[in-house]
Protein backbone atom coordinates (compact mmCIF):
# COMPACT_ATOMS: atom_id res chain seq x y z
CA MET A 1 -30.49 55.41 -33.77
CA TYR A 2 -29.25 52.32 -31.38
CA ALA A 3 -30.47 52.73 -28.24
CA ASN A 4 -33.61 52.11 -30.38
CA THR A 5 -32.67 49.89 -32.41
CA ALA A 6 -32.61 47.91 -29.00
CA TYR A 7 -35.93 49.09 -28.25
CA ASN A 8 -37.70 48.12 -31.17
CA THR A 9 -34.96 44.54 -30.71
CA TYR A 10 -35.75 43.89 -27.32
CA ALA A 11 -40.19 44.69 -28.40
CA GLN A 12 -39.87 42.04 -31.26
CA ASN A 13 -38.63 38.91 -29.02
CA ASN A 14 -40.77 40.63 -25.81
CA ILE A 15 -44.27 41.57 -26.45
CA GLY A 16 -45.27 43.31 -23.97
CA ILE A 17 -42.48 46.42 -23.08
CA GLU A 18 -45.60 49.88 -22.71
CA SER A 19 -42.57 51.30 -23.11
CA PRO A 20 -38.11 52.54 -22.63
CA GLU A 21 -38.84 52.94 -19.20
CA LYS A 22 -40.49 49.43 -18.27
CA LEU A 23 -37.37 48.96 -21.31
CA ILE A 24 -33.87 49.65 -18.71
CA ALA A 25 -36.26 48.03 -15.02
CA MET A 26 -35.72 44.96 -17.42
CA LEU A 27 -32.59 45.77 -18.29
CA TYR A 28 -31.82 45.66 -14.33
CA GLU A 29 -33.10 42.39 -14.08
CA GLY A 30 -31.44 41.29 -17.28
CA VAL A 31 -28.17 42.53 -15.67
CA LEU A 32 -29.05 40.38 -11.68
CA ARG A 33 -30.14 37.31 -14.04
CA PHE A 34 -27.85 37.12 -15.40
CA ASN A 35 -24.68 38.26 -13.25
CA ALA A 36 -26.54 35.15 -11.03
CA GLN A 37 -25.84 31.99 -14.19
CA ALA A 38 -22.38 33.73 -13.66
CA LYS A 39 -22.04 32.91 -10.24
CA LYS A 40 -23.87 29.47 -10.39
CA ALA A 41 -20.96 28.67 -13.34
CA ILE A 42 -17.76 29.43 -11.24
CA LYS A 43 -19.54 27.17 -8.78
CA GLU A 44 -19.96 25.19 -11.50
CA LYS A 45 -16.35 25.42 -11.77
CA ASN A 46 -17.56 26.23 -16.01
CA ILE A 47 -15.96 28.24 -17.87
CA GLU A 48 -17.83 28.07 -21.02
CA LYS A 49 -21.02 30.00 -19.62
CA LYS A 50 -18.88 31.81 -16.86
CA VAL A 51 -17.90 33.48 -19.82
CA TYR A 52 -21.18 33.22 -21.07
CA TRP A 53 -22.67 35.20 -18.76
CA ILE A 54 -20.48 38.20 -17.40
CA ASN A 55 -20.61 39.47 -21.83
CA ARG A 56 -24.30 39.18 -21.37
CA SER A 57 -24.10 41.74 -18.29
CA ILE A 58 -21.26 42.95 -20.25
CA ALA A 59 -23.54 43.45 -23.06
CA ILE A 60 -26.62 44.94 -21.20
CA ILE A 61 -24.77 48.00 -19.35
CA THR A 62 -23.43 48.82 -22.69
CA GLU A 63 -26.54 49.21 -24.02
CA LEU A 64 -26.64 50.85 -20.86
CA ILE A 65 -24.12 53.70 -21.15
CA SER A 66 -25.51 53.89 -24.88
CA VAL A 67 -28.24 54.87 -24.08
CA LEU A 68 -27.85 57.71 -20.81
CA ASP A 69 -28.74 61.26 -21.68
CA MET A 70 -26.57 63.61 -20.98
CA LYS A 71 -27.56 66.46 -21.89
CA GLN A 72 -29.28 65.19 -18.08
CA GLY A 73 -25.33 66.82 -17.27
CA GLN A 74 -24.71 64.89 -13.57
CA VAL A 75 -26.94 62.48 -12.26
CA SER A 76 -25.99 60.65 -16.01
CA GLN A 77 -22.52 61.80 -15.85
CA TYR A 78 -22.17 59.82 -13.30
CA LEU A 79 -24.36 56.28 -13.92
CA GLU A 80 -22.21 56.53 -17.17
CA GLY A 81 -18.88 56.28 -14.48
CA LEU A 82 -21.07 53.71 -12.20
CA TYR A 83 -22.03 51.60 -15.77
CA ALA A 84 -18.38 51.67 -16.07
CA TYR A 85 -16.75 50.91 -13.27
CA GLU A 86 -19.30 48.00 -13.17
CA ILE A 87 -17.73 45.97 -16.39
CA ARG A 88 -14.45 46.98 -14.98
CA LEU A 89 -15.46 44.87 -11.72
CA LEU A 90 -17.23 41.40 -13.98
CA GLY A 91 -14.13 41.44 -15.97
CA ALA A 92 -12.06 41.10 -13.01
CA ALA A 93 -14.69 39.11 -11.58
CA SER A 94 -13.91 37.42 -14.73
CA LEU A 95 -10.42 36.71 -14.73
CA GLU A 96 -10.73 35.62 -11.26
CA ASN A 97 -13.11 33.62 -10.47
CA ASP A 98 -13.91 36.63 -7.99
CA THR A 99 -18.04 35.80 -6.98
CA ASP A 100 -17.66 38.61 -4.24
CA LYS A 101 -17.11 41.29 -7.50
CA ILE A 102 -20.10 39.49 -8.94
CA ASP A 103 -21.62 40.97 -6.02
CA GLU A 104 -21.46 43.98 -5.83
CA VAL A 105 -22.32 44.21 -9.17
CA SER A 106 -25.61 42.75 -8.41
CA ASN A 107 -26.07 45.23 -5.23
CA VAL A 108 -25.38 48.26 -8.03
CA PHE A 109 -28.19 47.05 -9.96
CA LYS A 110 -30.44 45.94 -7.47
CA GLY A 111 -30.13 49.58 -6.43
CA LEU A 112 -30.65 51.02 -9.40
CA SER A 113 -33.54 49.11 -9.53
CA GLU A 114 -35.60 49.73 -6.49
CA ALA A 115 -34.45 53.76 -7.50
CA TRP A 116 -35.72 53.01 -11.07
CA ARG A 117 -39.06 51.79 -10.41
CA GLU A 118 -39.67 54.12 -7.60
CA SER A 119 -38.61 56.74 -9.59
CA THR A 120 -41.06 55.35 -12.92
CA HIS A 121 -43.77 53.87 -10.91
CA VAL A 122 -42.58 50.58 -12.56
CA ASP A 123 -44.62 47.25 -12.05
CA ASN A 124 -43.02 44.72 -12.21
């Protein structure tokens, strides 16, 4: 139900979404965009914007956890742990103003995004 609500909300804002597969690709890209904004805010010493953008990334990752199909077994369990770790890294990055931790999260999501596109043949 929650996944459908998120999909419907996102679809209302982005009419061009064809499928849930495309939505996942867009969520991965969202994390990358928001992380870039958070890094910029850290460099500019803008605490309010840093917190805003990191919270946006965390919200997306939380959504990704909520839509995992745990019946899929090991892959879903692995992703759940990976996503949880990335949330912890973003929290630490926020507390410590550590752009390296944001880069680490972004590198993981770049890899996930590439793998997702290859496995689903979703075009950007």
